[in-house]
Protein backbone atom coordinates (compact mmCIF):
# COMPACT_ATOMS: atom_id res chain seq x y z
CA MET A 1 -35.26 -30.67 -60.88
CA ILE A 2 -35.87 -31.66 -64.47
CA GLU A 3 -34.44 -34.84 -65.95
CA ARG A 4 -31.34 -33.66 -67.80
CA ALA A 5 -27.69 -33.47 -66.99
CA THR A 6 -26.62 -30.09 -65.66
CA PRO A 7 -22.94 -29.02 -65.86
CA ILE A 8 -21.40 -27.06 -63.01
CA GLU A 9 -18.88 -24.60 -64.43
CA HIS A 10 -15.71 -23.39 -62.63
CA ALA A 11 -13.88 -20.09 -63.26
CA ALA A 12 -10.44 -21.68 -63.70
CA PRO A 13 -9.92 -25.19 -65.08
CA PRO A 14 -9.64 -27.40 -62.00
CA THR A 15 -7.41 -30.49 -61.85
CA PHE A 16 -8.85 -33.96 -62.03
CA GLU A 17 -8.08 -34.53 -58.35
CA THR A 18 -9.82 -31.26 -57.40
CA LEU A 19 -12.90 -32.32 -59.36
CA LEU A 20 -12.92 -35.74 -57.70
CA ARG A 21 -12.68 -34.10 -54.28
CA THR A 22 -15.51 -31.69 -55.19
CA VAL A 23 -17.77 -34.57 -56.30
CA GLU A 24 -16.91 -36.43 -53.09
CA GLU A 25 -17.91 -33.43 -50.94
CA MET A 26 -21.08 -32.56 -52.88
CA ASP A 27 -24.41 -32.85 -51.14
CA THR A 28 -26.49 -33.88 -54.15
CA PRO A 29 -30.27 -33.84 -53.79
CA ASP A 30 -31.96 -37.14 -53.01
CA GLY A 31 -32.36 -39.13 -56.20
CA PHE A 32 -29.42 -37.52 -58.00
CA LYS A 33 -25.81 -38.47 -58.60
CA ALA A 34 -22.74 -36.49 -59.61
CA GLU A 35 -20.21 -37.78 -62.17
CA LEU A 36 -17.17 -36.35 -63.99
CA ILE A 37 -18.06 -36.34 -67.69
CA ARG A 38 -15.99 -34.50 -70.31
CA GLY A 39 -14.07 -32.68 -67.58
CA LYS A 40 -17.22 -31.30 -65.95
CA ILE A 41 -19.24 -32.23 -62.89
CA ILE A 42 -22.58 -33.47 -64.14
CA VAL A 43 -25.54 -33.98 -61.79
CA SER A 44 -28.23 -36.30 -63.16
CA PRO A 45 -31.15 -38.25 -61.69
CA TRP A 46 -30.89 -41.87 -60.63
CA SER A 47 -32.80 -44.33 -62.74
CA LYS A 48 -36.58 -44.33 -62.97
CA LEU A 49 -38.61 -46.73 -60.86
CA ARG A 50 -39.53 -48.86 -63.87
CA TYR A 51 -35.81 -49.66 -64.28
CA SER A 52 -35.78 -51.44 -60.93
CA ARG A 53 -37.00 -54.81 -62.14
CA PRO A 54 -34.50 -55.22 -65.01
CA MET A 55 -31.71 -53.88 -62.77
CA ARG A 56 -32.56 -56.41 -60.07
CA LYS A 57 -32.91 -59.29 -62.54
CA LEU A 58 -29.58 -58.41 -64.16
CA ARG A 59 -27.77 -58.04 -60.83
CA GLU A 60 -29.10 -61.41 -59.59
CA GLN A 61 -27.89 -63.20 -62.76
CA LEU A 62 -24.49 -61.49 -62.61
CA ARG A 63 -24.00 -62.42 -58.95
CA ALA A 64 -24.26 -66.09 -59.89
CA SER A 65 -21.58 -65.86 -62.59
CA ALA A 66 -19.24 -63.12 -61.33
CA PRO A 67 -15.53 -63.90 -61.42
CA ALA A 68 -14.02 -65.14 -58.14
CA GLY A 69 -13.58 -62.27 -55.68
CA HIS A 70 -15.97 -59.99 -57.57
CA PHE A 71 -19.51 -58.95 -56.66
CA ALA A 72 -22.46 -57.33 -58.48
CA ASP A 73 -24.18 -54.29 -57.08
CA THR A 74 -26.05 -51.07 -57.81
CA SER A 75 -24.80 -49.03 -54.86
CA PRO A 76 -23.90 -45.44 -55.68
CA PHE A 77 -20.10 -45.45 -55.89
CA LEU A 78 -17.91 -43.34 -58.08
CA PHE A 79 -15.20 -45.18 -60.07
CA ARG A 80 -12.21 -43.12 -61.19
CA PHE A 81 -10.52 -43.45 -64.55
CA SER A 82 -7.42 -41.36 -63.94
CA ALA A 83 -5.87 -41.75 -67.40
CA ALA A 84 -9.08 -40.34 -68.99
CA GLU A 85 -9.68 -37.92 -66.05
CA ARG A 86 -13.22 -39.23 -65.63
CA GLY A 87 -15.28 -40.49 -62.69
CA TYR A 88 -18.47 -42.47 -63.26
CA GLY A 89 -21.18 -43.85 -60.99
CA PRO A 90 -22.50 -46.78 -63.02
CA ASP A 91 -26.11 -47.92 -62.64
CA LEU A 92 -24.88 -51.48 -62.11
CA TYR A 93 -21.39 -52.96 -61.84
CA VAL A 94 -19.37 -56.04 -61.05
CA ALA A 95 -16.12 -55.24 -59.32
CA ASP A 96 -13.23 -56.80 -57.39
CA GLU A 97 -14.08 -56.71 -53.68
CA SER A 98 -10.54 -55.58 -52.81
CA ALA A 99 -11.19 -52.19 -54.45
CA PHE A 100 -13.46 -51.35 -51.55
CA ASP A 101 -10.75 -51.82 -48.89
CA GLU A 102 -9.45 -48.32 -49.60
CA GLU A 103 -10.39 -45.16 -47.75
CA GLY A 104 -12.21 -42.47 -49.69
CA ARG A 105 -15.31 -42.47 -51.81
CA HIS A 106 -14.20 -43.40 -55.30
CA ALA A 107 -12.80 -46.77 -56.39
CA ASP A 108 -10.29 -47.50 -59.14
CA GLY A 109 -12.03 -48.21 -62.46
CA ALA A 110 -9.52 -51.03 -63.06
CA ALA A 111 -11.43 -53.07 -60.44
CA LEU A 112 -14.46 -53.32 -62.73
CA SER A 113 -15.13 -56.53 -64.65
CA LEU A 114 -18.51 -55.34 -65.96
CA VAL A 115 -20.55 -52.14 -66.10
CA GLY A 116 -24.22 -51.86 -66.94
CA GLU A 117 -25.76 -48.50 -67.84
CA PHE A 118 -29.54 -48.11 -68.20
CA THR A 119 -30.10 -45.34 -70.72
CA SER A 120 -32.59 -42.50 -70.33
CA LEU A 121 -33.08 -39.25 -72.20
CA SER A 122 -30.73 -37.50 -69.78
CA THR A 123 -27.92 -40.08 -69.97
CA GLN A 124 -28.07 -41.74 -73.39
CA ASP A 125 -25.43 -39.49 -75.01
CA ALA A 126 -22.91 -40.15 -72.24
CA ASP A 127 -23.77 -43.86 -72.07
CA TRP A 128 -23.42 -44.48 -75.84
CA ASN A 129 -20.44 -42.21 -76.50
CA GLU A 130 -18.41 -40.81 -73.60
CA LYS A 131 -18.62 -43.87 -71.33
CA LEU A 132 -18.33 -46.33 -74.23
CA ASP A 133 -14.99 -44.72 -75.13
CA VAL A 134 -13.59 -44.73 -71.57
CA TYR A 135 -14.94 -48.15 -70.50
CA GLY A 136 -13.80 -49.58 -73.86
CA ARG A 137 -10.17 -49.09 -72.98
CA LEU A 138 -10.30 -50.91 -69.62
CA VAL A 139 -13.55 -52.65 -68.53
CA PRO A 140 -13.85 -56.25 -69.88
CA VAL A 141 -17.65 -56.11 -70.45
CA TYR A 142 -19.95 -53.09 -70.90
CA LEU A 143 -23.74 -53.48 -71.13
CA VAL A 144 -25.93 -50.68 -72.44
CA ILE A 145 -29.52 -51.42 -71.53
CA ASP A 146 -31.53 -49.18 -73.86
CA MET A 147 -34.92 -48.88 -72.14
CA SER A 148 -36.55 -46.88 -74.93
CA ALA A 149 -35.45 -49.30 -77.70
CA SER A 150 -36.05 -52.41 -75.49
CA GLU A 151 -32.57 -53.69 -76.38
CA ILE A 152 -29.40 -54.66 -74.56
CA THR A 153 -25.99 -54.27 -76.18
CA CYS A 154 -22.93 -56.09 -74.91
CA PHE A 155 -19.49 -54.67 -75.67
CA TRP A 156 -16.35 -56.64 -74.89
CA ASP A 157 -12.67 -57.10 -75.74
CA PRO A 158 -11.33 -53.70 -74.66
CA SER A 159 -8.31 -52.18 -76.43
CA PRO A 160 -6.45 -48.84 -76.46
CA HIS A 161 -8.90 -47.80 -79.20
CA GLY A 162 -12.09 -49.08 -77.54
CA TYR A 163 -14.10 -52.28 -77.68
CA ARG A 164 -13.44 -54.66 -80.54
CA SER A 165 -16.72 -56.63 -80.31
CA ARG A 166 -20.40 -56.08 -79.69
CA THR A 167 -23.76 -57.90 -79.79
CA THR A 168 -27.28 -56.45 -79.51
CA VAL A 169 -30.44 -58.39 -78.67
CA SER A 170 -34.04 -57.34 -78.05
CA PHE A 171 -35.49 -57.76 -74.57
CA GLY A 172 -36.80 -61.30 -74.22
CA GLU A 173 -33.87 -62.84 -76.12
CA ASP A 174 -30.92 -64.55 -74.47
CA LEU A 175 -27.59 -62.68 -74.45
CA HIS A 176 -24.28 -64.52 -74.13
CA LEU A 177 -21.75 -62.68 -71.92
CA PRO A 178 -18.12 -63.40 -72.82
CA LYS A 179 -15.32 -64.18 -70.36
CA PRO A 180 -14.76 -63.51 -67.54
CA PHE A 181 -18.47 -64.32 -67.15
CA ASP A 182 -19.13 -66.86 -69.95
CA CYS A 183 -22.83 -67.15 -69.19
CA VAL A 184 -26.18 -66.52 -70.84
CA LEU A 185 -28.38 -63.68 -69.59
CA ASP A 186 -32.11 -64.16 -69.67
CA THR A 187 -33.59 -60.76 -70.65
CA THR A 188 -37.21 -61.89 -70.28
CA GLY A 189 -39.12 -59.32 -68.28
CA PHE A 190 -36.66 -56.46 -68.89
């Protein structure tokens, strides 16, 4: 498969719950994930191997400063955003452990305290636009790690109209994460 998102079209417009169930039952090829973006099931590749080091470094730093009862991971889980009728599988996330006590294969997006998306050619539009809009109404902190620009942008202070604040630094510079983390990320080696 080539590295670009591929929509799967349906004859009649399915409901959000039907789409979630379809994503849950999909047997995606190894190395690919399915998400609900703009009302469509989108299958895209997992991150490139060179993203592994910055993902691991970021996850390790976030584990040390995650809010009580939250954990940082990169496991492939779908988080549902019912109000927006979306379902995303973030590259990296920090979430409330209790969200994983449920049955099923998709967790409530309200459990997220932070999301990190590592951009690529196939995902940059969704990461910078679609996901920014949806996360910006609910998730306290959103990190866009732009691998081609060698920058990391932190969005915070969600509102009904999206994030109210943002900061961008180049790789190698420190980045302060606001509450509920209130820590400094070392981006050296990203």
